[in-house]
Amino acid sequence: MKLSVVIPVYDEVATLDEIVARVRAAPVGEGNTLEMVMVNDCSSDGSGEKLDELAQAPDVRAFHHEVNQGKGAALRTGFANVTGDIVLIQDADLEYDPREYPRLLQPILDGKADVVYGSRFAGGDSHRVLYYWHSVGNRFLTEMSNMFTNLNLTDMETCYKVFTRDVIDRLQLQESRFGIEPEITAKVARMGCRIYEVGISYSGRTYDEGKKIGWKDGVRALYCIVKYNAGR
């Protein structure tokens, strides 16, 4: 089995060395291999140069957007360039722990799932205590998504989403920013994918530490829930 880890990057130069080291050390199982597909979304802090340096290693591949387009666009670029059997989304900001890859991969390796979500609200080991209204917003958007998709997810907005290669090859995505999360969820539900959810830990960032998502992204996510579930 080869695992492709897609990592969108926007002004994350301070954490790139560490996230690459953590992903590289992830326990993906004896005999299995891993590649990192890292997409620089027109960073202005030196992230692009750092990615080119990291890409000197054979397990890292770097791609660059000349214009900032958003997380969704970075994921589309990453998905178009993966070579693995399983594809996992990893943020570059250290909020999510690659040591939890085994629990994310197991339902697919067991032949039970086509897609796995890592839920911040379904257990896991530890969570940094941060913004109340962010958690309320996440749960609200998840409930709205569930009402349209008829799924019972607890964390639609999670970064950790894992797919078989067949699912990635069939996904036709359009959203360029954070609306990609409800779009993916609507489309894997419509495709009839077997979706599992596993509990994960979470070490969230504050806005001072570089957190980028805001209320406007929540409004767009709500719009995307309706848009991509229309006609179900």
Foldseek 3Di string as FASTA:
>chain_A
DEEEEEEEDAQLQVQQVVVVVQLVPAPPDPPYYYAYEYEYQCHDNCPQVVLVVVVVDVRYDYHYDNHRQADQVSVLVSLVPDDDQKYKYDYRQPFFGSNCVVVQCVCVVVVNFFKEAADQPPDADAEDDDDPVVLVLQQVLVVLLCVLLVDDDRGLQGRTMMGGNVLSVPDDDDHRYSLRSSLSVLVCSVVVTRYYYHYHYTYDDDVVSPDDDDVVSSVSNSVSSCVNSPPD
